[in-house]
C-alpha atoms as a PDB file:
ATOM      1  CA  UNK A   1      17.053 116.770 132.309  1.00  0.00           C
ATOM      2  CA  UNK A   2      16.265 120.359 131.496  1.00  0.00           C
ATOM      3  CA  UNK A   3      18.831 122.677 129.993  1.00  0.00           C
ATOM      4  CA  UNK A   4      19.710 125.825 131.836  1.00  0.00           C
ATOM      5  CA  UNK A   5      18.660 128.891 129.976  1.00  0.00           C
ATOM      6  CA  UNK A   6      21.078 131.735 129.452  1.00  0.00           C
ATOM      7  CA  UNK A   7      24.668 132.004 128.393  1.00  0.00           C
ATOM      8  CA  UNK A   8      27.143 129.295 129.013  1.00  0.00           C
ATOM      9  CA  UNK A   9      30.851 129.470 128.527  1.00  0.00           C
ATOM     10  CA  UNK A  10      33.127 126.598 127.864  1.00  0.00           C
ATOM     11  CA  UNK A  11      36.759 127.067 128.556  1.00  0.00           C
ATOM     12  CA  UNK A  12      39.000 125.208 126.200  1.00  0.00           C
ATOM     13  CA  UNK A  13      42.387 124.150 127.305  1.00  0.00           C
ATOM     14  CA  UNK A  14      45.057 125.889 125.265  1.00  0.00           C
ATOM     15  CA  UNK A  15      47.594 123.459 124.006  1.00  0.00           C
ATOM     16  CA  UNK A  16      50.936 124.431 122.597  1.00  0.00           C
ATOM     17  CA  UNK A  17      51.621 122.218 119.682  1.00  0.00           C
ATOM     18  CA  UNK A  18      54.954 121.366 118.137  1.00  0.00           C
ATOM     19  CA  UNK A  19      54.007 123.204 114.943  1.00  0.00           C
ATOM     20  CA  UNK A  20      53.307 126.376 116.938  1.00  0.00           C
ATOM     21  CA  UNK A  21      56.702 126.140 118.675  1.00  0.00           C
ATOM     22  CA  UNK A  22      58.380 125.531 115.324  1.00  0.00           C
ATOM     23  CA  UNK A  23      56.638 128.586 113.849  1.00  0.00           C
ATOM     24  CA  UNK A  24      57.699 130.798 116.773  1.00  0.00           C
ATOM     25  CA  UNK A  25      61.346 129.721 116.514  1.00  0.00           C
ATOM     26  CA  UNK A  26      61.222 130.081 112.723  1.00  0.00           C
ATOM     27  CA  UNK A  27      59.934 133.660 113.029  1.00  0.00           C
ATOM     28  CA  UNK A  28      62.598 134.556 115.616  1.00  0.00           C
ATOM     29  CA  UNK A  29      65.330 133.001 113.458  1.00  0.00           C
ATOM     30  CA  UNK A  30      64.165 134.860 110.316  1.00  0.00           C
ATOM     31  CA  UNK A  31      64.019 138.185 112.170  1.00  0.00           C
ATOM     32  CA  UNK A  32      67.522 137.636 113.590  1.00  0.00           C
ATOM     33  CA  UNK A  33      68.866 136.642 110.158  1.00  0.00           C
ATOM     34  CA  UNK A  34      67.308 139.735 108.525  1.00  0.00           C
ATOM     35  CA  UNK A  35      68.870 142.049 111.134  1.00  0.00           C
ATOM     36  CA  UNK A  36      72.244 140.327 110.741  1.00  0.00           C
ATOM     37  CA  UNK A  37      72.169 140.588 106.927  1.00  0.00           C
ATOM     38  CA  UNK A  38      71.143 144.271 107.116  1.00  0.00           C
ATOM     39  CA  UNK A  39      73.937 144.991 109.595  1.00  0.00           C
ATOM     40  CA  UNK A  40      76.550 143.232 107.443  1.00  0.00           C
ATOM     41  CA  UNK A  41      75.379 145.003 104.265  1.00  0.00           C
ATOM     42  CA  UNK A  42      75.319 148.467 105.834  1.00  0.00           C
ATOM     43  CA  UNK A  43      78.747 148.139 107.381  1.00  0.00           C
ATOM     44  CA  UNK A  44      80.471 146.267 104.532  1.00  0.00           C
ATOM     45  CA  UNK A  45      79.086 148.402 101.721  1.00  0.00           C
ATOM     46  CA  UNK A  46      78.832 151.572 103.768  1.00  0.00           C
ATOM     47  CA  UNK A  47      80.529 153.467 106.518  1.00  0.00           C
ATOM     48  CA  UNK A  48      79.439 155.841 109.219  1.00  0.00           C
ATOM     49  CA  UNK A  49      80.838 159.380 109.175  1.00  0.00           C
ATOM     50  CA  UNK A  50      80.282 162.285 111.543  1.00  0.00           C
ATOM     51  CA  UNK A  51      79.287 165.700 110.227  1.00  0.00           C
ATOM     52  CA  UNK A  52      81.768 168.353 111.366  1.00  0.00           C
ATOM     53  CA  UNK A  53      80.694 171.986 111.209  1.00  0.00           C
ATOM     54  CA  UNK A  54      77.628 173.807 109.926  1.00  0.00           C
ATOM     55  CA  UNK A  55      78.410 173.753 106.200  1.00  0.00           C
ATOM     56  CA  UNK A  56      75.530 171.409 105.281  1.00  0.00           C
ATOM     57  CA  UNK A  57      72.811 173.034 107.390  1.00  0.00           C
ATOM     58  CA  UNK A  58      69.856 172.937 107.434  1.00  0.00           C
ATOM     59  CA  UNK A  59      69.907 169.373 105.973  1.00  0.00           C
ATOM     60  CA  UNK A  60      72.755 167.996 108.110  1.00  0.00           C
ATOM     61  CA  UNK A  61      73.929 169.299 111.478  1.00  0.00           C
ATOM     62  CA  UNK A  62      77.220 169.423 113.351  1.00  0.00           C
ATOM     63  CA  UNK A  63      77.773 166.171 115.254  1.00  0.00           C
ATOM     64  CA  UNK A  64      75.174 164.232 113.270  1.00  0.00           C
ATOM     65  CA  UNK A  65      76.131 160.805 111.942  1.00  0.00           C
ATOM     66  CA  UNK A  66      75.511 159.817 108.322  1.00  0.00           C
ATOM     67  CA  UNK A  67      75.816 156.542 106.431  1.00  0.00           C
ATOM     68  CA  UNK A  68      77.922 156.582 103.277  1.00  0.00           C
ATOM     69  CA  UNK A  69      77.393 154.113 100.422  1.00  0.00           C
ATOM     70  CA  UNK A  70      80.929 153.125  99.352  1.00  0.00           C
ATOM     71  CA  UNK A  71      79.785 150.697  96.649  1.00  0.00           C
ATOM     72  CA  UNK A  72      77.665 152.994  94.462  1.00  0.00           C
ATOM     73  CA  UNK A  73      80.550 154.975  92.986  1.00  0.00           C
ATOM     74  CA  UNK A  74      82.376 151.766  92.084  1.00  0.00           C
ATOM     75  CA  UNK A  75      79.563 151.238  89.565  1.00  0.00           C
ATOM     76  CA  UNK A  76      78.444 154.771  88.626  1.00  0.00           C
ATOM     77  CA  UNK A  77      79.895 158.275  88.774  1.00  0.00           C
ATOM     78  CA  UNK A  78      78.727 160.952  91.207  1.00  0.00           C
ATOM     79  CA  UNK A  79      75.913 163.066  89.804  1.00  0.00           C
ATOM     80  CA  UNK A  80      75.090 166.738  90.230  1.00  0.00           C
ATOM     81  CA  UNK A  81      73.365 167.361  93.595  1.00  0.00           C
ATOM     82  CA  UNK A  82      74.681 164.129  95.162  1.00  0.00           C
ATOM     83  CA  UNK A  83      75.937 164.663  98.703  1.00  0.00           C
ATOM     84  CA  UNK A  84      79.355 163.023  98.969  1.00  0.00           C
ATOM     85  CA  UNK A  85      81.946 162.276 101.644  1.00  0.00           C
ATOM     86  CA  UNK A  86      85.566 162.842 100.618  1.00  0.00           C
ATOM     87  CA  UNK A  87      89.039 163.331 102.008  1.00  0.00           C
ATOM     88  CA  UNK A  88      90.355 166.733 100.877  1.00  0.00           C
ATOM     89  CA  UNK A  89      93.308 166.174  98.545  1.00  0.00           C
ATOM     90  CA  UNK A  90      93.248 162.508  99.591  1.00  0.00           C
ATOM     91  CA  UNK A  91      94.718 163.431 103.007  1.00  0.00           C
ATOM     92  CA  UNK A  92      94.137 160.324 105.154  1.00  0.00           C
ATOM     93  CA  UNK A  93      94.953 162.334 108.297  1.00  0.00           C
ATOM     94  CA  UNK A  94      91.986 164.633 107.693  1.00  0.00           C
ATOM     95  CA  UNK A  95      88.352 164.086 108.611  1.00  0.00           C
ATOM     96  CA  UNK A  96      85.823 163.364 105.867  1.00  0.00           C
ATOM     97  CA  UNK A  97      84.221 166.442 104.367  1.00  0.00           C
ATOM     98  CA  UNK A  98      80.560 166.222 103.380  1.00  0.00           C
ATOM     99  CA  UNK A  99      79.494 168.457 100.492  1.00  0.00           C
ATOM    100  CA  UNK A 100      77.114 168.610  97.518  1.00  0.00           C
ATOM    101  CA  UNK A 101      78.362 167.987  93.952  1.00  0.00           C
ATOM    102  CA  UNK A 102      77.789 171.066  91.786  1.00  0.00           C
ATOM    103  CA  UNK A 103      80.245 170.734  88.896  1.00  0.00           C
ATOM    104  CA  UNK A 104      80.970 167.556  86.905  1.00  0.00           C
ATOM    105  CA  UNK A 105      84.088 166.387  85.067  1.00  0.00           C
ATOM    106  CA  UNK A 106      84.922 168.425  81.968  1.00  0.00           C
ATOM    107  CA  UNK A 107      82.700 171.374  82.948  1.00  0.00           C
ATOM    108  CA  UNK A 108      83.780 174.975  83.501  1.00  0.00           C
ATOM    109  CA  UNK A 109      82.640 176.381  86.849  1.00  0.00           C
ATOM    110  CA  UNK A 110      82.601 180.008  87.903  1.00  0.00           C
ATOM    111  CA  UNK A 111      80.824 182.038  90.578  1.00  0.00           C
ATOM    112  CA  UNK A 112      79.559 185.368  89.260  1.00  0.00           C
ATOM    113  CA  UNK A 113      77.572 187.825  91.364  1.00  0.00           C
ATOM    114  CA  UNK A 114      77.013 185.222  94.076  1.00  0.00           C
ATOM    115  CA  UNK A 115      75.634 182.539  91.734  1.00  0.00           C
ATOM    116  CA  UNK A 116      77.155 179.389  90.251  1.00  0.00           C
ATOM    117  CA  UNK A 117      77.649 179.232  86.487  1.00  0.00           C
ATOM    118  CA  UNK A 118      78.372 175.995  84.626  1.00  0.00           C
ATOM    119  CA  UNK A 119      79.816 176.345  81.124  1.00  0.00           C
ATOM    120  CA  UNK A 120      78.737 180.010  81.097  1.00  0.00           C
ATOM    121  CA  UNK A 121      75.103 179.294  82.063  1.00  0.00           C
ATOM    122  CA  UNK A 122      73.594 179.924  85.525  1.00  0.00           C
ATOM    123  CA  UNK A 123      73.083 176.704  87.456  1.00  0.00           C
ATOM    124  CA  UNK A 124      69.412 175.978  88.136  1.00  0.00           C
ATOM    125  CA  UNK A 125      69.471 175.498  91.916  1.00  0.00           C
ATOM    126  CA  UNK A 126      67.122 175.377  94.853  1.00  0.00           C
ATOM    127  CA  UNK A 127      66.311 178.957  95.895  1.00  0.00           C
ATOM    128  CA  UNK A 128      66.951 178.112  99.553  1.00  0.00           C
ATOM    129  CA  UNK A 129      70.708 178.495  99.042  1.00  0.00           C
ATOM    130  CA  UNK A 130      72.140 181.842 100.113  1.00  0.00           C
ATOM    131  CA  UNK A 131      73.734 184.131  97.561  1.00  0.00           C
ATOM    132  CA  UNK A 132      77.479 183.380  97.732  1.00  0.00           C
ATOM    133  CA  UNK A 133      79.376 186.241  99.375  1.00  0.00           C
ATOM    134  CA  UNK A 134      82.903 184.964  98.602  1.00  0.00           C
ATOM    135  CA  UNK A 135      83.580 183.234  95.286  1.00  0.00           C
ATOM    136  CA  UNK A 136      87.104 182.276  96.391  1.00  0.00           C
ATOM    137  CA  UNK A 137      89.149 180.689  93.622  1.00  0.00           C
ATOM    138  CA  UNK A 138      85.943 180.289  91.570  1.00  0.00           C
ATOM    139  CA  UNK A 139      85.833 184.017  90.816  1.00  0.00           C
ATOM    140  CA  UNK A 140      87.923 182.923  87.832  1.00  0.00           C
ATOM    141  CA  UNK A 141      86.559 180.155  85.610  1.00  0.00           C
ATOM    142  CA  UNK A 142      87.759 176.702  86.735  1.00  0.00           C
ATOM    143  CA  UNK A 143      88.094 173.963  84.118  1.00  0.00           C
ATOM    144  CA  UNK A 144      87.427 170.585  85.779  1.00  0.00           C
ATOM    145  CA  UNK A 145      89.531 167.614  84.690  1.00  0.00           C
ATOM    146  CA  UNK A 146      88.135 164.286  83.525  1.00  0.00           C
ATOM    147  CA  UNK A 147      88.065 162.955  87.107  1.00  0.00           C
ATOM    148  CA  UNK A 148      87.327 166.174  89.045  1.00  0.00           C
ATOM    149  CA  UNK A 149      84.187 167.492  90.743  1.00  0.00           C
ATOM    150  CA  UNK A 150      83.323 170.929  92.126  1.00  0.00           C
ATOM    151  CA  UNK A 151      81.569 170.696  95.506  1.00  0.00           C
ATOM    152  CA  UNK A 152      79.846 173.242  97.734  1.00  0.00           C
ATOM    153  CA  UNK A 153      78.278 173.140 101.173  1.00  0.00           C
ATOM    154  CA  UNK A 154      74.536 173.849 101.379  1.00  0.00           C
ATOM    155  CA  UNK A 155      75.252 176.619 103.881  1.00  0.00           C
ATOM    156  CA  UNK A 156      77.165 178.470 101.174  1.00  0.00           C
ATOM    157  CA  UNK A 157      78.572 181.292 103.293  1.00  0.00           C
ATOM    158  CA  UNK A 158      79.785 179.017 106.091  1.00  0.00           C
ATOM    159  CA  UNK A 159      81.521 176.278 104.134  1.00  0.00           C
ATOM    160  CA  UNK A 160      85.068 175.306 103.269  1.00  0.00           C
ATOM    161  CA  UNK A 161      84.668 173.664  99.876  1.00  0.00           C
ATOM    162  CA  UNK A 162      85.943 173.748  96.278  1.00  0.00           C
ATOM    163  CA  UNK A 163      86.098 177.561  96.455  1.00  0.00           C
ATOM    164  CA  UNK A 164      88.939 177.229  98.977  1.00  0.00           C
ATOM    165  CA  UNK A 165      92.445 177.049  97.567  1.00  0.00           C
ATOM    166  CA  UNK A 166      93.414 174.276 100.016  1.00  0.00           C
ATOM    167  CA  UNK A 167      90.572 172.043  98.743  1.00  0.00           C
ATOM    168  CA  UNK A 168      89.839 173.040  95.144  1.00  0.00           C
ATOM    169  CA  UNK A 169      88.407 170.523  92.710  1.00  0.00           C
ATOM    170  CA  UNK A 170      87.783 167.102  94.278  1.00  0.00           C
ATOM    171  CA  UNK A 171      89.295 164.108  92.494  1.00  0.00           C
ATOM    172  CA  UNK A 172      87.079 161.055  92.109  1.00  0.00           C
ATOM    173  CA  UNK A 173      89.514 158.715  93.898  1.00  0.00           C
ATOM    174  CA  UNK A 174      89.265 160.870  97.059  1.00  0.00           C
ATOM    175  CA  UNK A 175      85.453 160.483  97.201  1.00  0.00           C
ATOM    176  CA  UNK A 176      84.561 157.760  99.706  1.00  0.00           C
ATOM    177  CA  UNK A 177      80.953 157.490  98.586  1.00  0.00           C
ATOM    178  CA  UNK A 178      77.471 158.939  98.496  1.00  0.00           C
ATOM    179  CA  UNK A 179      75.848 160.109 101.728  1.00  0.00           C
ATOM    180  CA  UNK A 180      72.458 158.436 101.645  1.00  0.00           C
ATOM    181  CA  UNK A 181      71.044 158.320 105.167  1.00  0.00           C
ATOM    182  CA  UNK A 182      71.368 160.537 108.203  1.00  0.00           C
ATOM    183  CA  UNK A 183      70.961 159.125 111.674  1.00  0.00           C
ATOM    184  CA  UNK A 184      68.821 160.841 114.319  1.00  0.00           C
ATOM    185  CA  UNK A 185      70.202 164.014 115.844  1.00  0.00           C
ATOM    186  CA  UNK A 186      68.210 165.722 118.573  1.00  0.00           C
ATOM    187  CA  UNK A 187      64.612 165.795 117.357  1.00  0.00           C
ATOM    188  CA  UNK A 188      65.440 164.510 113.855  1.00  0.00           C
ATOM    189  CA  UNK A 189      64.500 161.026 112.716  1.00  0.00           C
ATOM    190  CA  UNK A 190      66.309 158.793 110.283  1.00  0.00           C
ATOM    191  CA  UNK A 191      66.155 160.354 106.859  1.00  0.00           C
ATOM    192  CA  UNK A 192      67.425 160.010 103.348  1.00  0.00           C
ATOM    193  CA  UNK A 193      69.813 162.675 102.138  1.00  0.00           C
ATOM    194  CA  UNK A 194      68.988 164.204  98.795  1.00  0.00           C
END
């Protein structure tokens, strides 16, 4: 019998084996477990807070949601330039304020000529911040206590922060945590806050 010349195709029957089914269910289970663990970690260690106002623009916008790490400051202290969420004067009836740490415990803070001075030296800051039009209570040197922080909004001339007499220096126990991730708002994507 002569063979036919040309291409020949053999169609194999596809069989679903038990090991393939096991692998599929294992992958689905692992993916579900990873999502569950991530969800539990984010919402047990963190909390979601809404940004109110324009004081942190252009980084954070009014109505945007951010995730706050509540565990970090149980282990370490806030650092200069950290963005934090806090209740002003510990008032539980207030909304969380979101501001950037500028002055640290034990430092002397003053605003002179629109610029922040720490212990008599100008603070080396990002040049994108506007020159401060109103120094508020920081026109006079403020001595921070051992558990107090001086905070400012990034949108310096549209922010109620430590310059305001009704907020002043922020005590550590009123700080809920570090803002570390902002959720999408409009055209924004997820992003880390720095």
